[in-house]
Protein backbone atom coordinates (compact mmCIF):
# COMPACT_ATOMS: atom_id res chain seq x y z
CA MET A 1 -115.55 79.63 -122.50
CA LEU A 2 -118.09 77.81 -120.36
CA LEU A 3 -115.30 75.72 -118.82
CA LEU A 4 -113.38 78.87 -117.85
CA PHE A 5 -116.51 80.40 -116.29
CA ALA A 6 -117.14 77.20 -114.27
CA LEU A 7 -113.55 77.19 -112.97
CA LEU A 8 -113.88 80.82 -111.86
CA LEU A 9 -117.11 80.05 -109.96
CA TYR A 10 -115.46 77.05 -108.23
CA ALA A 11 -112.45 79.16 -107.19
CA PHE A 12 -114.75 81.85 -105.77
CA TRP A 13 -116.69 79.22 -103.78
CA LEU A 14 -113.47 77.82 -102.26
CA TYR A 15 -112.39 81.33 -101.26
CA THR A 16 -115.66 82.06 -99.46
CA GLN A 17 -115.50 78.76 -97.55
CA GLU A 18 -111.93 79.38 -96.38
CA THR A 19 -112.59 82.94 -95.20
CA GLY A 20 -115.75 81.77 -93.41
CA VAL A 21 -113.79 79.22 -91.39
CA ARG A 22 -111.15 81.81 -90.52
CA ALA A 23 -113.86 84.15 -89.27
CA VAL A 24 -115.16 81.49 -86.84
CA LEU A 25 -111.98 79.77 -85.63
CA PRO A 26 -109.15 81.76 -83.94
CA SER A 27 -105.61 81.15 -85.02
CA GLU A 28 -103.45 78.77 -83.00
CA GLY A 29 -101.48 81.73 -81.67
CA GLN A 30 -104.66 83.51 -80.58
CA ALA A 31 -105.95 80.35 -78.88
CA ASN A 32 -102.68 79.87 -77.01
CA GLN A 33 -102.62 83.52 -75.97
CA SER A 34 -106.21 83.28 -74.71
CA GLN A 35 -105.38 80.16 -72.70
CA ALA A 36 -102.31 81.80 -71.19
CA MET A 37 -104.33 84.86 -70.18
CA GLU A 38 -106.97 82.67 -68.53
CA ALA A 39 -104.31 80.65 -66.70
CA SER A 40 -102.59 83.74 -65.32
CA GLU A 41 -105.74 85.75 -64.62
CA ASP A 42 -105.69 84.93 -60.92
CA LEU A 43 -102.80 83.11 -59.24
CA LEU A 44 -105.00 82.19 -56.30
CA ALA A 45 -107.94 80.87 -58.33
CA THR A 46 -106.27 77.74 -59.66
CA THR A 47 -107.64 75.44 -56.96
CA SER A 48 -111.33 76.33 -56.99
CA VAL A 49 -113.57 73.70 -55.43
CA SER A 50 -117.19 74.77 -55.62
CA ALA A 51 -119.46 77.69 -56.46
CA ALA A 52 -121.46 80.06 -54.31
CA ASP A 53 -125.25 80.31 -54.59
CA ASP A 54 -124.92 83.33 -56.83
CA GLY A 55 -122.53 81.48 -59.12
CA GLU A 56 -119.33 83.17 -57.93
CA LEU A 57 -116.34 80.86 -58.00
CA LEU A 58 -115.16 79.81 -54.55
CA SER A 59 -111.49 80.04 -55.35
CA LEU A 60 -108.65 80.43 -52.90
CA GLY A 61 -108.52 84.12 -53.77
CA PHE A 62 -112.25 84.60 -53.17
CA ILE A 63 -112.13 82.92 -49.75
CA LEU A 64 -109.02 84.78 -48.61
CA GLU A 65 -110.55 88.10 -49.66
CA LYS A 66 -113.70 87.33 -47.68
CA TYR A 67 -111.60 86.39 -44.65
CA ARG A 68 -109.53 89.57 -44.86
CA THR A 69 -112.61 91.74 -45.23
CA ALA A 70 -114.38 90.03 -42.30
CA SER A 71 -111.37 90.03 -39.97
CA GLY A 72 -110.08 93.48 -40.92
CA LEU A 73 -106.49 92.19 -40.85
CA SER A 74 -105.47 92.90 -44.45
CA GLU A 75 -103.38 95.96 -43.52
CA VAL A 76 -102.02 94.56 -40.23
CA GLN A 77 -98.29 93.81 -39.98
CA ASP A 78 -97.99 92.94 -36.28
CA VAL A 79 -100.16 92.22 -33.25
CA ILE A 80 -99.86 92.07 -29.45
CA LEU A 81 -102.19 89.80 -27.46
CA GLN A 82 -102.46 89.97 -23.66
CA GLY A 83 -104.63 88.03 -21.25
CA ASN A 84 -104.92 85.12 -18.84
CA TYR A 85 -103.48 81.71 -19.69
CA ILE A 86 -104.74 78.58 -17.90
CA GLU A 87 -102.92 75.23 -18.07
CA ASP A 88 -103.34 72.26 -15.71
CA GLY A 89 -105.53 74.42 -13.48
CA LEU A 90 -102.80 77.04 -13.01
CA GLU A 91 -103.41 80.60 -14.20
CA SER A 92 -100.67 82.84 -15.58
CA ARG A 93 -100.41 86.08 -17.52
CA LEU A 94 -99.80 85.76 -21.24
CA LYS A 95 -98.31 88.20 -23.72
CA LEU A 96 -97.98 87.11 -27.34
CA LEU A 97 -96.28 89.10 -30.10
CA ALA A 98 -96.66 88.19 -33.77
CA LYS A 99 -95.20 89.92 -36.81
CA LEU A 100 -95.25 89.14 -40.52
CA PRO A 101 -93.96 87.05 -42.09
CA ARG A 102 -93.52 84.37 -39.39
CA LEU A 103 -92.16 85.89 -36.19
CA VAL A 104 -93.68 85.05 -32.81
CA SER A 105 -92.87 85.49 -29.12
CA LYS A 106 -94.99 84.16 -26.24
CA THR A 107 -94.40 85.07 -22.60
CA VAL A 108 -96.13 83.10 -19.83
CA GLU A 109 -95.50 84.51 -16.35
CA ASP A 110 -96.64 84.05 -12.76
CA ASP A 111 -95.16 84.95 -9.38
CA ALA A 112 -92.62 82.13 -9.48
CA ILE A 113 -91.43 81.86 -13.07
CA LYS A 114 -91.31 83.60 -16.43
CA MET A 115 -91.08 81.58 -19.64
CA VAL A 116 -90.48 83.18 -23.05
CA TYR A 117 -91.03 81.06 -26.16
CA SER A 118 -89.84 82.63 -29.41
CA TYR A 119 -89.52 81.81 -33.10
CA ASP A 120 -87.49 83.96 -35.51
CA GLY A 121 -88.61 82.20 -38.68
CA LYS A 122 -85.85 79.60 -38.41
CA THR A 123 -85.35 78.44 -34.82
CA ALA A 124 -87.68 78.11 -31.82
CA ARG A 125 -86.14 79.00 -28.46
CA LEU A 126 -87.07 79.01 -24.78
CA LYS A 127 -85.85 81.40 -22.09
CA ILE A 128 -86.70 80.67 -18.45
CA GLU A 129 -86.32 83.16 -15.60
CA ASP A 130 -87.11 82.17 -12.01
CA GLY A 131 -88.07 84.38 -9.08
CA GLU A 132 -84.42 84.90 -8.15
CA GLY A 133 -83.50 86.23 -11.57
CA THR A 134 -81.69 83.12 -12.78
CA ILE A 135 -81.95 82.86 -16.55
CA GLU A 136 -81.69 79.73 -18.65
CA GLN A 137 -81.82 79.82 -22.46
CA GLN A 138 -82.07 76.88 -24.83
CA VAL A 139 -83.37 75.72 -28.18
CA LEU A 140 -87.00 74.67 -27.81
CA THR A 141 -86.91 70.91 -28.41
CA GLU A 142 -90.25 69.88 -26.85
CA LEU A 143 -92.34 69.26 -29.97
CA VAL A 144 -95.75 69.97 -28.45
CA ASP A 145 -94.61 73.34 -27.08
CA GLN A 146 -92.96 74.15 -30.40
CA LYS A 147 -96.09 73.37 -32.44
CA ALA A 148 -98.28 75.22 -29.93
CA LEU A 149 -96.10 78.30 -30.44
CA PHE A 150 -96.59 78.02 -34.21
CA LEU A 151 -100.36 77.68 -33.86
CA GLU A 152 -100.81 80.56 -31.41
CA GLY A 153 -98.48 82.74 -33.45
CA ALA A 154 -100.41 82.15 -36.69
CA VAL A 155 -102.66 85.14 -35.95
CA LEU A 156 -101.66 86.85 -39.21
CA ALA A 157 -100.95 83.72 -41.23
CA LEU A 158 -103.71 84.49 -43.77
CA ALA A 159 -103.52 88.28 -43.63
CA SER A 160 -101.01 89.02 -46.38
CA ASN A 161 -102.04 89.28 -50.05
CA GLN A 162 -98.54 90.12 -51.29
CA LEU A 163 -95.91 88.04 -53.05
CA PRO A 164 -94.15 85.88 -52.00
CA ASP A 165 -96.48 85.33 -49.01
CA VAL A 166 -99.42 84.18 -51.15
CA LEU A 167 -97.34 81.30 -52.50
CA VAL A 168 -97.61 79.49 -49.14
CA TYR A 169 -101.43 79.23 -49.36
CA THR A 170 -103.19 76.13 -50.70
CA ARG A 171 -106.93 75.54 -51.06
CA GLU A 172 -107.91 72.19 -49.55
CA GLU A 173 -111.19 70.26 -49.65
CA ASP A 174 -113.85 71.52 -47.26
CA GLN A 175 -113.69 69.86 -43.83
CA THR A 176 -116.35 69.10 -41.24
CA PHE A 177 -115.58 69.98 -37.64
CA GLU A 178 -118.06 69.34 -34.81
CA GLY A 179 -120.87 68.92 -37.33
CA GLN A 180 -120.19 72.07 -39.35
CA THR A 181 -118.55 72.35 -42.77
CA TYR A 182 -115.72 74.84 -43.18
CA TRP A 183 -113.65 76.24 -46.02
CA THR A 184 -110.14 74.87 -45.59
CA ILE A 185 -106.84 76.57 -46.37
CA GLN A 186 -103.33 75.33 -45.69
CA SER A 187 -100.52 77.79 -44.98
CA ARG A 188 -96.96 76.52 -45.14
CA LEU A 189 -94.64 77.61 -42.32
CA SER A 190 -91.58 75.70 -43.45
CA ALA A 191 -90.58 72.58 -45.35
CA GLN A 192 -91.65 70.56 -42.29
CA ASP A 193 -94.67 72.42 -40.92
CA SER A 194 -98.02 73.58 -42.27
CA VAL A 195 -101.10 74.96 -40.52
CA ILE A 196 -104.65 74.00 -41.55
CA HIS A 197 -107.14 76.87 -41.20
CA LEU A 198 -110.91 76.29 -41.05
CA LEU A 199 -112.99 79.33 -42.07
CA ASP A 200 -116.69 79.89 -41.46
CA THR A 201 -118.54 79.66 -44.80
CA GLU A 202 -121.02 82.37 -43.77
CA THR A 203 -118.86 84.98 -42.07
CA GLY A 204 -115.44 84.16 -43.54
CA LEU A 205 -113.88 84.27 -40.05
CA GLU A 206 -111.35 81.69 -38.89
CA ARG A 207 -112.73 79.21 -36.35
CA VAL A 208 -110.08 76.50 -35.95
CA ARG A 209 -106.40 75.90 -36.73
CA PHE A 210 -104.69 72.51 -36.84
CA ILE A 211 -101.13 71.35 -37.05
CA TYR A 212 -100.09 67.70 -37.47
CA PHE A 213 -96.75 66.20 -36.47
CA GLU A 214 -95.05 62.92 -35.62
CA HIS A 215 -94.15 62.24 -31.99
CA ASP A 216 -93.02 58.93 -30.47
CA GLY A 217 -93.79 57.24 -33.78
CA GLU A 218 -97.41 58.39 -33.82
CA ARG A 219 -99.25 61.13 -35.69
CA GLN A 220 -100.40 63.89 -33.35
CA GLN A 221 -102.99 66.61 -33.89
CA LEU A 222 -102.77 69.94 -32.12
CA SER A 223 -105.76 72.23 -32.57
CA LEU A 224 -106.55 75.80 -31.60
CA GLN A 225 -110.25 76.71 -31.45
CA LEU A 226 -111.07 80.43 -31.61
CA SER A 227 -114.02 82.02 -29.81
CA ASP A 228 -115.49 85.22 -28.34
CA TYR A 229 -115.18 87.36 -31.48
CA ARG A 230 -115.51 91.10 -30.82
CA GLN A 231 -115.53 94.17 -33.03
CA GLN A 232 -112.48 96.39 -32.52
CA GLY A 233 -112.37 99.30 -34.93
CA GLU A 234 -112.46 97.82 -38.43
CA ALA A 235 -111.30 94.41 -37.19
CA LYS A 236 -113.31 91.53 -35.76
CA LEU A 237 -111.01 89.57 -33.47
CA PRO A 238 -111.18 86.45 -31.25
CA PHE A 239 -110.67 87.20 -27.55
CA GLY A 240 -110.57 83.56 -26.53
CA TYR A 241 -109.08 80.27 -27.68
CA THR A 242 -108.49 76.74 -26.44
CA LEU A 243 -105.58 74.48 -27.32
CA LYS A 244 -106.18 70.73 -27.58
CA LEU A 245 -103.81 67.82 -28.17
CA ASN A 246 -105.57 64.91 -29.90
CA GLY A 247 -108.89 66.30 -28.70
CA GLU A 248 -107.82 66.65 -25.05
CA LEU A 249 -107.77 70.14 -23.51
CA ARG A 250 -104.23 71.41 -22.99
CA SER A 251 -104.70 75.12 -22.24
CA GLU A 252 -107.21 77.95 -22.39
CA THR A 253 -106.58 81.64 -23.04
CA LYS A 254 -108.88 84.59 -22.36
CA LEU A 255 -107.60 87.86 -23.80
CA ASP A 256 -108.29 91.31 -22.39
CA SER A 257 -106.24 93.30 -24.92
CA ILE A 258 -105.42 93.06 -28.63
CA GLN A 259 -103.21 95.75 -30.20
CA LEU A 260 -102.61 96.02 -33.94
CA ASN A 261 -99.74 97.60 -35.89
CA ARG A 262 -97.62 98.62 -32.90
CA GLY A 263 -94.42 98.75 -34.94
CA LEU A 264 -92.79 95.66 -33.43
CA MET A 265 -89.11 95.29 -34.31
CA ARG A 266 -87.44 92.08 -35.46
CA TRP A 267 -85.02 92.02 -32.51
CA MET A 268 -88.01 91.61 -30.18
CA PHE A 269 -88.32 88.01 -31.39
């Protein structure tokens, strides 16, 4: 009788130990489900680098949201820039059209010549019209002009928060430019080309864009430095920028007009 009572007590003790462990440890299925939920919680947060002073994670998604809020471009689908373009001491009028996802057209015109650079998402082209109306059209093969078109046309490169556009964004390590540290994001234009965007860590606004490419067997850096930010409605936009090749000034643009969401059509590119 005593032996039976002892066996019953031992069985009860084993039961309480087992249920106690189950109460503390989740099942393998629950653990896997929890991990999957955490992994898919935010597609853009997978490349976080550091934390803000208040402890908020500085993920790709966090930085892009700050940029879109600061710039006011989150609902913008197309843009028209107009102003003065200065290259090699010569001043021309500039008109640049950009439309999501990656369409751009740049017209540079003076009294003697009109040059239209365009990119339809696949091919960059150049159309030249002289003062007599003669028109010449060709594929844009000059690499520097081609990359400059990509850089200037990347006005809305970080504006979209929709699939599949967000898949082209990558969070990179912070970079220092002219003594200041910037958040760094890469946006992929194609299999061959990507643009590096440097964003101000205080305001969230874009300050510099870079594109790297090989030319004559050497690595080249083309940069576009944005300036003269002004408030326009809900947007804060740069009305000036300089283009540099390997640190040497190539051109300067001073805008006098920026128009948003003008309903640009694809055939215009």
